[in-house]
Amino acid sequence: MDRKKLEEVIKKKAKDGKLPCAVCFKIADDFGIPKKELTKVLNEIKIKISQCQLGCFE
């Protein structure tokens, strides 16, 4: 995994420090990483998940 490229994609797609859940799923699939790994990166760079498909985050 190219961590720098991953962070660039996340920051480009995030709006107001938030990233929709569906976009998170797509990014994880595109980079071939587990969704749990993506959440670690999101936490580290202070991006929150929005529009959660499970209703956990608004």
Protein backbone atom coordinates (compact mmCIF):
# COMPACT_ATOMS: atom_id res chain seq x y z
CA MET A 1 0.00 0.00 0.00
CA ASP A 2 1.27 3.43 -0.93
CA ARG A 3 0.36 5.32 2.25
CA LYS A 4 1.14 8.74 0.80
CA LYS A 5 -1.08 8.15 -2.26
CA LEU A 6 -3.84 6.78 -0.02
CA GLU A 7 -3.78 9.91 2.14
CA GLU A 8 -3.83 12.13 -0.96
CA VAL A 9 -6.94 10.36 -2.30
CA ILE A 10 -8.68 10.56 1.08
CA LYS A 11 -7.96 14.28 1.48
CA LYS A 12 -9.03 15.01 -2.09
CA LYS A 13 -12.39 13.28 -1.62
CA ALA A 14 -13.07 14.53 1.93
CA LYS A 15 -15.33 17.55 2.43
CA ASP A 16 -15.10 19.55 5.66
CA GLY A 17 -13.01 16.81 7.28
CA LYS A 18 -15.58 14.11 6.52
CA LEU A 19 -15.75 11.24 4.06
CA PRO A 20 -18.96 9.34 3.22
CA CYS A 21 -18.99 5.68 4.19
CA ALA A 22 -19.62 4.51 0.60
CA VAL A 23 -16.55 6.43 -0.55
CA CYS A 24 -14.50 4.78 2.21
CA PHE A 25 -15.59 1.35 0.96
CA LYS A 26 -14.59 2.28 -2.61
CA ILE A 27 -11.17 3.61 -1.55
CA ALA A 28 -10.46 0.47 0.50
CA ASP A 29 -11.40 -1.71 -2.49
CA ASP A 30 -9.36 0.40 -4.92
CA PHE A 31 -6.26 0.13 -2.70
CA GLY A 32 -6.87 -3.53 -1.88
CA ILE A 33 -6.80 -2.93 1.87
CA PRO A 34 -9.17 -4.04 4.62
CA LYS A 35 -11.74 -1.46 5.65
CA LYS A 36 -10.40 -1.69 9.21
CA GLU A 37 -6.98 -0.55 7.95
CA LEU A 38 -8.57 2.40 6.18
CA THR A 39 -10.30 3.46 9.41
CA LYS A 40 -6.91 3.53 11.15
CA VAL A 41 -5.58 5.89 8.48
CA LEU A 42 -8.70 8.05 8.70
CA ASN A 43 -8.27 8.36 12.47
CA GLU A 44 -4.60 9.23 12.14
CA ILE A 45 -5.25 12.04 9.65
CA LYS A 46 -8.35 13.26 11.52
CA ILE A 47 -10.97 12.49 8.86
CA LYS A 48 -14.39 11.42 10.13
CA ILE A 49 -16.78 9.00 8.45
CA SER A 50 -20.13 10.46 7.44
CA GLN A 51 -23.31 9.04 5.97
CA CYS A 52 -22.58 5.65 7.48
CA GLN A 53 -24.34 2.82 5.70
CA LEU A 54 -24.98 1.15 9.06
CA GLY A 55 -26.31 4.30 10.68
CA CYS A 56 -23.42 4.51 13.16
CA PHE A 57 -22.14 7.92 12.04
CA GLU A 58 -24.09 10.84 10.65
